[in-house]
Structure formats: C-alpha cells, structure tokens
Amino acid sequence: MTDAASTTHHVPYYAQWESADLVPEFVTGARASADDPLWQKSGAGSREEYGFWAARICGMACLRIALDHFGHPVPPSIPLLRDALDAGAYVRTGETTVKGLIYAPFADWVVRRWGLYAEARPELGVGDIAAEVASGRLVMLSVHFSIRTLDPEPPHRGGHLVLAVGAGPEGVALHNPSGFPGRSQEYHRVPWAVLERFYAGRGVVLGRRPR
C-alpha cells in the first residue's frame, strides 16, 4: 500500500436516517427511529414502517450515495428498500428479524435496474479496495458499526455497510450511513491497520459499466 497514489471522489452523502444530524441520538437509543421528525421524506407509509427499517438500511443508504454520484435519480429510502425486498436482497424472516443485505441478488438487481457495474465480492482485500477506488468505483464494505468511533476492541467484524469513496497509502475514506456528524459521516479517514479491526473482508463494488 505504501506506493499507491491517493484517490478521493467527490461524493454526496446520505444517512440511513432522514435526520442525519440526529444519528447519535438514534444509535444510542436517546430517540426512537420512529420519532425522526423527517421520517415522511423516506417514503414510508407510517412511522412504524420507518422505525423498523431505518436502523437496517445502511445498504440502501450506500446505494443512494452511489446512484447520486453516478448520475441516476435517487429514490426515497423506503420505496427503494421495498424493491430490494422484492429482488431478494433482503429477506424478512420474522416480525423483528431481517436477513440482508444479501450481496449476490443485490448486485444483480443493481445491474438490471440501473445498468451500473455491480459485483459481489466475498473476498476483498485492502489492496483490492484501493485499486477499485483508483479505477473510479465505490466500494461497499462490511464493517462493525463501532467503526464510527474507532472502538479499540470491536466484538466482531462486519454487520454494517459503509462506502469507500477514497483510498491511498495511509488508509481509506468512508461515507458511513450511521456515522456521527462532523466526525465520521463523510470522508471519515481510517488507516488500513485500523480498518482491519472492523472489516470482514467482503463487500460490493459499484461503478459505471465499462463501454
């Protein structure tokens, strides 16, 4: 990694909650997701629908960022989520449990619907991340959610999706849908050695289709 050039793309930011400034309250439980004052912007049919999904749609937030960056209209988060459910990218397995984001059907859906390049990568090393970013792509990474505070001892790796929008010799720049404002939402710089504490080694590469 020491001889790689740095690349950072100018990429818009979307949180997985509509009120990005209130993310610290949502993730700590100080405020319920259903009490987001901007919940209706999500396209949800009710506060209850929004409250159930807001904490679970980091992948949809990453996709919305990518769609905006690559020049596509950006659907509201909950209608987008419903389409992802229909595509098999999420599977609701009970009243309170959801399986997903499931990478392969998600990538297939992105290709079909928007004509973008999308590839599920069950093995994705840090060198691969840097190479994909340098080529103009964005990379969804499976990390532990405590990357938002750079927890020195996360309990495991993976379980939350962030978007790599920059990379270079020192580390990666992340857009984190559940990051903290002014700290870890946009262009959060994380050294490679620190990333490895949180990163499960898998993700999805998104980009424009080669011509």
Protein backbone atom coordinates (compact mmCIF):
# COMPACT_ATOMS: atom_id res chain seq x y z
CA MET A 1 0.00 0.00 0.00
CA THR A 2 2.91 2.36 0.55
CA ASP A 3 3.49 3.19 -3.11
CA ALA A 4 -0.14 3.72 -4.14
CA ALA A 5 -1.43 7.12 -5.20
CA SER A 6 -4.30 8.66 -3.26
CA THR A 7 -7.73 9.00 -4.85
CA THR A 8 -10.77 10.66 -3.28
CA HIS A 9 -14.02 11.03 -5.21
CA HIS A 10 -16.35 13.95 -4.58
CA VAL A 11 -19.41 12.01 -3.49
CA PRO A 12 -22.70 13.19 -1.92
CA TYR A 13 -23.70 11.82 1.46
CA TYR A 14 -26.89 10.13 2.64
CA ALA A 15 -27.52 8.81 6.13
CA GLN A 16 -29.77 5.82 6.70
CA TRP A 17 -31.98 8.08 8.84
CA GLU A 18 -33.55 11.16 7.25
CA SER A 19 -32.26 13.42 10.05
CA ALA A 20 -28.52 12.91 9.68
CA ASP A 21 -27.80 15.36 12.47
CA LEU A 22 -29.73 13.18 14.93
CA VAL A 23 -27.86 9.93 14.24
CA PRO A 24 -26.10 9.95 17.65
CA GLU A 25 -29.50 10.03 19.36
CA PHE A 26 -30.86 7.20 17.22
CA VAL A 27 -27.91 4.85 17.67
CA THR A 28 -27.71 5.40 21.44
CA GLY A 29 -31.46 4.98 21.92
CA ALA A 30 -31.93 8.51 23.23
CA ARG A 31 -34.51 8.97 20.46
CA ALA A 32 -36.53 6.26 18.72
CA SER A 33 -36.12 5.99 14.96
CA ALA A 34 -39.88 6.38 14.60
CA ASP A 35 -39.54 9.81 16.21
CA ASP A 36 -37.35 11.14 13.39
CA PRO A 37 -39.03 14.47 12.57
CA LEU A 38 -38.24 13.97 8.87
CA TRP A 39 -39.47 10.38 8.61
CA GLN A 40 -42.02 11.18 5.89
CA LYS A 41 -39.20 12.10 3.47
CA SER A 42 -38.30 8.40 3.45
CA GLY A 43 -41.47 7.47 1.58
CA ALA A 44 -42.58 5.18 4.41
CA GLY A 45 -46.28 4.58 4.84
CA SER A 46 -46.12 5.07 8.59
CA ARG A 47 -43.81 5.96 11.45
CA GLU A 48 -43.81 2.28 12.37
CA GLU A 49 -42.58 1.17 8.95
CA TYR A 50 -39.86 3.80 9.01
CA GLY A 51 -38.89 2.99 12.59
CA PHE A 52 -38.47 -0.70 11.77
CA TRP A 53 -36.27 -0.18 8.72
CA ALA A 54 -34.22 2.96 9.40
CA ALA A 55 -31.64 1.14 11.51
CA ARG A 56 -31.42 -1.70 8.97
CA ILE A 57 -30.91 0.09 5.64
CA CYS A 58 -27.25 1.05 5.67
CA GLY A 59 -27.00 -0.77 2.35
CA MET A 60 -29.78 1.32 0.82
CA ALA A 61 -28.06 4.50 2.02
CA CYS A 62 -24.83 3.36 0.35
CA LEU A 63 -26.74 2.61 -2.84
CA ARG A 64 -28.42 6.03 -2.79
CA ILE A 65 -24.99 7.66 -2.46
CA ALA A 66 -23.72 5.66 -5.43
CA LEU A 67 -26.79 6.38 -7.56
CA ASP A 68 -26.41 10.11 -6.97
CA HIS A 69 -22.68 10.00 -7.67
CA PHE A 70 -23.12 8.09 -10.93
CA GLY A 71 -25.86 10.39 -12.19
CA HIS A 72 -29.07 8.45 -11.52
CA PRO A 73 -32.24 9.71 -9.85
CA VAL A 74 -32.23 8.83 -6.15
CA PRO A 75 -35.42 7.12 -4.91
CA PRO A 76 -36.60 7.67 -1.32
CA SER A 77 -35.16 5.08 1.02
CA ILE A 78 -38.24 3.01 1.91
CA PRO A 79 -39.61 2.53 -1.65
CA LEU A 80 -36.06 1.56 -2.61
CA LEU A 81 -35.99 -0.90 0.28
CA ARG A 82 -39.30 -2.44 -0.82
CA ASP A 83 -37.85 -3.02 -4.29
CA ALA A 84 -34.75 -4.59 -2.72
CA LEU A 85 -37.00 -6.95 -0.77
CA ASP A 86 -38.75 -7.96 -4.00
CA ALA A 87 -35.33 -8.59 -5.57
CA GLY A 88 -34.26 -10.87 -2.72
CA ALA A 89 -31.57 -8.51 -1.45
CA TYR A 90 -33.26 -8.59 1.95
CA VAL A 91 -35.41 -11.36 3.43
CA ARG A 92 -37.71 -10.63 6.33
CA THR A 93 -37.57 -13.75 8.49
CA GLY A 94 -39.91 -12.74 11.30
CA GLU A 95 -41.68 -9.84 12.93
CA THR A 96 -38.41 -8.33 14.14
CA THR A 97 -35.67 -10.05 12.12
CA VAL A 98 -34.24 -9.44 8.67
CA LYS A 99 -31.60 -11.29 6.66
CA GLY A 100 -29.54 -8.99 4.47
CA LEU A 101 -28.08 -7.23 2.68
CA ILE A 102 -27.56 -10.36 0.54
CA TYR A 103 -24.82 -9.37 -1.86
CA ALA A 104 -25.40 -11.51 -4.97
CA PRO A 105 -29.09 -10.70 -5.53
CA PHE A 106 -28.38 -7.09 -4.58
CA ALA A 107 -25.67 -6.80 -7.24
CA ASP A 108 -27.87 -8.49 -9.87
CA TRP A 109 -30.70 -6.07 -9.07
CA VAL A 110 -28.44 -3.02 -9.37
CA VAL A 111 -27.20 -4.20 -12.78
CA ARG A 112 -30.72 -4.91 -14.04
CA ARG A 113 -32.41 -1.78 -12.76
CA TRP A 114 -29.77 0.91 -13.29
CA GLY A 115 -27.30 -0.61 -15.72
CA LEU A 116 -24.42 0.03 -13.36
CA TYR A 117 -21.47 -2.23 -12.75
CA ALA A 118 -22.08 -4.12 -9.51
CA GLU A 119 -20.08 -7.11 -8.29
CA ALA A 120 -20.47 -9.04 -5.04
CA ARG A 121 -17.02 -9.73 -3.64
CA PRO A 122 -16.98 -12.33 -0.82
CA GLU A 123 -13.22 -11.85 -0.61
CA LEU A 124 -12.00 -8.28 -0.93
CA GLY A 125 -8.59 -7.30 0.41
CA VAL A 126 -7.47 -3.80 1.26
CA GLY A 127 -5.34 -3.70 -1.88
CA ASP A 128 -8.44 -4.52 -3.91
CA ILE A 129 -10.34 -1.65 -2.27
CA ALA A 130 -7.63 0.83 -3.21
CA ALA A 131 -7.47 -0.46 -6.79
CA GLU A 132 -11.24 -0.26 -7.29
CA VAL A 133 -11.41 3.27 -5.89
CA ALA A 134 -8.50 4.32 -8.10
CA SER A 135 -10.40 2.98 -11.13
CA GLY A 136 -13.35 5.30 -10.38
CA ARG A 137 -15.56 2.89 -8.48
CA LEU A 138 -17.07 2.99 -5.00
CA VAL A 139 -16.89 0.02 -2.67
CA MET A 140 -19.43 -1.09 -0.07
CA LEU A 141 -17.56 -2.64 2.86
CA SER A 142 -18.88 -4.86 5.63
CA VAL A 143 -17.59 -3.47 8.93
CA HIS A 144 -18.62 -3.46 12.57
CA PHE A 145 -20.79 -0.44 13.29
CA SER A 146 -18.46 0.80 16.03
CA ILE A 147 -16.09 1.99 13.31
CA ARG A 148 -17.95 5.28 13.72
CA THR A 149 -16.00 5.84 16.96
CA LEU A 150 -12.98 3.66 16.09
CA ASP A 151 -13.70 1.37 19.04
CA PRO A 152 -10.36 -0.12 20.10
CA GLU A 153 -11.94 -3.55 20.68
CA PRO A 154 -14.97 -4.23 18.44
CA PRO A 155 -16.65 -7.52 19.41
CA HIS A 156 -16.56 -8.84 15.84
CA ARG A 157 -16.09 -7.78 12.24
CA GLY A 158 -18.84 -6.97 9.77
CA GLY A 159 -22.57 -6.47 10.10
CA HIS A 160 -22.78 -2.86 8.89
CA LEU A 161 -22.16 -1.33 5.46
CA VAL A 162 -20.12 1.76 4.68
CA LEU A 163 -18.97 3.15 1.35
CA ALA A 164 -15.32 3.61 0.45
CA VAL A 165 -15.09 6.86 -1.52
CA GLY A 166 -11.34 7.41 -1.27
CA ALA A 167 -8.18 5.40 -0.73
CA GLY A 168 -4.43 5.90 -0.61
CA PRO A 169 -1.24 4.76 1.08
CA GLU A 170 -2.39 5.79 4.54
CA GLY A 171 -5.89 4.39 4.52
CA VAL A 172 -9.45 4.66 3.28
CA ALA A 173 -12.05 7.46 3.25
CA LEU A 174 -15.55 6.30 4.20
CA HIS A 175 -19.07 7.62 3.91
CA ASN A 176 -20.80 5.96 6.87
CA PRO A 177 -24.64 5.93 6.84
CA SER A 178 -24.68 5.74 10.66
CA GLY A 179 -21.63 7.89 11.30
CA PHE A 180 -21.63 10.83 13.67
CA PRO A 181 -21.97 14.35 12.18
CA GLY A 182 -18.72 16.26 11.99
CA ARG A 183 -16.80 13.16 12.97
CA SER A 184 -17.45 10.03 10.95
CA GLN A 185 -20.28 10.58 8.45
CA GLU A 186 -18.42 11.96 5.43
CA TYR A 187 -14.87 11.25 4.26
CA HIS A 188 -14.01 9.53 7.52
CA ARG A 189 -10.30 8.76 7.24
CA VAL A 190 -9.46 5.34 8.64
CA PRO A 191 -5.92 3.89 8.47
CA TRP A 192 -5.68 0.46 6.84
CA ALA A 193 -4.41 -1.17 10.02
CA VAL A 194 -7.36 0.27 11.95
CA LEU A 195 -9.86 -0.76 9.28
CA GLU A 196 -8.80 -4.38 9.69
CA ARG A 197 -10.18 -4.38 13.26
CA PHE A 198 -13.69 -3.81 11.88
CA TYR A 199 -13.63 -5.11 8.31
CA ALA A 200 -14.97 -8.56 7.44
CA GLY A 201 -13.05 -8.76 4.16
CA ARG A 202 -16.09 -8.67 1.88
CA GLY A 203 -18.29 -6.17 0.07
CA VAL A 204 -19.81 -4.99 -3.20
CA VAL A 205 -18.08 -2.94 -5.89
CA LEU A 206 -20.21 -0.32 -7.66
CA GLY A 207 -19.38 1.73 -10.73
CA ARG A 208 -20.27 2.73 -14.24
CA ARG A 209 -20.47 -0.08 -16.77
CA PRO A 210 -17.40 -0.35 -19.00
CA ARG A 211 -18.06 0.77 -22.56
